[in-house]
Amino acid sequence: MDELLNISYRDAMDQLDKIIQDLENGAIEIDELDSTMERAQALLAYCQEKLRKIESKIERSKSV
């Protein structure tokens, strides 16, 4: 997930959207499926962590 440190949340979501579209359209070859799914899982974890951090900051700011 180190390569994800330099991308924005929006870019990560765009990549996830593209993967989903490709899966739905059958555009991913079976040989690429494993690495594509690993990339999707990493992107999803990255986005979830970004959201978790933002939610935490919001909660902390409410309690001040």
C-alpha atoms as a PDB file:
ATOM      1  CA  MET A   1       0.000   0.000   0.000  1.00  0.00           C
ATOM      2  CA  ASP A   2       3.064   2.264   0.025  1.00  0.00           C
ATOM      3  CA  GLU A   3       2.391   3.341  -3.556  1.00  0.00           C
ATOM      4  CA  LEU A   4      -0.966   4.705  -2.386  1.00  0.00           C
ATOM      5  CA  LEU A   5       0.666   7.295  -0.143  1.00  0.00           C
ATOM      6  CA  ASN A   6       1.066   9.665  -3.075  1.00  0.00           C
ATOM      7  CA  ILE A   7      -2.466   9.583  -4.467  1.00  0.00           C
ATOM      8  CA  SER A   8      -5.516  11.528  -3.428  1.00  0.00           C
ATOM      9  CA  TYR A   9      -8.708  10.039  -2.090  1.00  0.00           C
ATOM     10  CA  ARG A  10     -10.452  11.092  -5.336  1.00  0.00           C
ATOM     11  CA  ASP A  11      -7.808   9.331  -7.465  1.00  0.00           C
ATOM     12  CA  ALA A  12      -8.175   6.171  -5.383  1.00  0.00           C
ATOM     13  CA  MET A  13     -11.957   6.271  -5.767  1.00  0.00           C
ATOM     14  CA  ASP A  14     -11.608   6.854  -9.521  1.00  0.00           C
ATOM     15  CA  GLN A  15      -9.359   3.800  -9.775  1.00  0.00           C
ATOM     16  CA  LEU A  16     -11.856   1.732  -7.801  1.00  0.00           C
ATOM     17  CA  ASP A  17     -14.685   2.899 -10.059  1.00  0.00           C
ATOM     18  CA  LYS A  18     -12.647   1.907 -13.125  1.00  0.00           C
ATOM     19  CA  ILE A  19     -11.945  -1.551 -11.686  1.00  0.00           C
ATOM     20  CA  ILE A  20     -15.647  -2.048 -10.943  1.00  0.00           C
ATOM     21  CA  GLN A  21     -16.627  -0.972 -14.455  1.00  0.00           C
ATOM     22  CA  ASP A  22     -14.018  -3.280 -15.977  1.00  0.00           C
ATOM     23  CA  LEU A  23     -15.253  -6.193 -13.846  1.00  0.00           C
ATOM     24  CA  GLU A  24     -18.873  -5.541 -14.794  1.00  0.00           C
ATOM     25  CA  ASN A  25     -17.964  -5.293 -18.482  1.00  0.00           C
ATOM     26  CA  GLY A  26     -15.753  -8.385 -18.495  1.00  0.00           C
ATOM     27  CA  ALA A  27     -12.775  -6.264 -19.517  1.00  0.00           C
ATOM     28  CA  ILE A  28     -10.350  -7.908 -17.082  1.00  0.00           C
ATOM     29  CA  GLU A  29      -8.578 -11.016 -18.288  1.00  0.00           C
ATOM     30  CA  ILE A  30      -8.528 -13.993 -15.941  1.00  0.00           C
ATOM     31  CA  ASP A  31      -4.722 -13.696 -15.726  1.00  0.00           C
ATOM     32  CA  GLU A  32      -5.093 -10.126 -14.412  1.00  0.00           C
ATOM     33  CA  LEU A  33      -7.953 -10.830 -12.034  1.00  0.00           C
ATOM     34  CA  ASP A  34      -5.859 -11.695  -8.976  1.00  0.00           C
ATOM     35  CA  SER A  35      -3.650  -8.604  -9.178  1.00  0.00           C
ATOM     36  CA  THR A  36      -6.646  -6.410 -10.004  1.00  0.00           C
ATOM     37  CA  MET A  37      -8.527  -7.642  -6.959  1.00  0.00           C
ATOM     38  CA  GLU A  38      -5.471  -7.089  -4.762  1.00  0.00           C
ATOM     39  CA  ARG A  39      -5.241  -3.525  -6.092  1.00  0.00           C
ATOM     40  CA  ALA A  40      -8.940  -2.982  -5.415  1.00  0.00           C
ATOM     41  CA  GLN A  41      -8.568  -4.262  -1.848  1.00  0.00           C
ATOM     42  CA  ALA A  42      -5.597  -1.956  -1.246  1.00  0.00           C
ATOM     43  CA  LEU A  43      -7.471   1.030  -2.684  1.00  0.00           C
ATOM     44  CA  LEU A  44     -10.512   0.260  -0.567  1.00  0.00           C
ATOM     45  CA  ALA A  45      -8.434  -0.070   2.609  1.00  0.00           C
ATOM     46  CA  TYR A  46      -6.682   3.223   1.785  1.00  0.00           C
ATOM     47  CA  CYS A  47     -10.003   5.049   1.309  1.00  0.00           C
ATOM     48  CA  GLN A  48     -11.501   3.556   4.458  1.00  0.00           C
ATOM     49  CA  GLU A  49      -8.468   4.612   6.479  1.00  0.00           C
ATOM     50  CA  LYS A  50      -8.637   8.158   5.077  1.00  0.00           C
ATOM     51  CA  LEU A  51     -12.306   8.359   6.056  1.00  0.00           C
ATOM     52  CA  ARG A  52     -11.617   6.911   9.503  1.00  0.00           C
ATOM     53  CA  LYS A  53      -8.951   9.560  10.138  1.00  0.00           C
ATOM     54  CA  ILE A  54     -11.266  12.352   9.024  1.00  0.00           C
ATOM     55  CA  GLU A  55     -14.104  11.045  11.199  1.00  0.00           C
ATOM     56  CA  SER A  56     -11.723  10.886  14.146  1.00  0.00           C
ATOM     57  CA  LYS A  57     -10.628  14.497  13.602  1.00  0.00           C
ATOM     58  CA  ILE A  58     -14.250  15.614  13.393  1.00  0.00           C
ATOM     59  CA  GLU A  59     -15.113  13.808  16.623  1.00  0.00           C
ATOM     60  CA  ARG A  60     -12.107  15.335  18.383  1.00  0.00           C
ATOM     61  CA  SER A  61     -13.052  18.817  17.200  1.00  0.00           C
ATOM     62  CA  LYS A  62     -16.599  18.337  18.535  1.00  0.00           C
ATOM     63  CA  SER A  63     -15.299  17.550  21.990  1.00  0.00           C
ATOM     64  CA  VAL A  64     -13.126  20.665  22.246  1.00  0.00           C
END
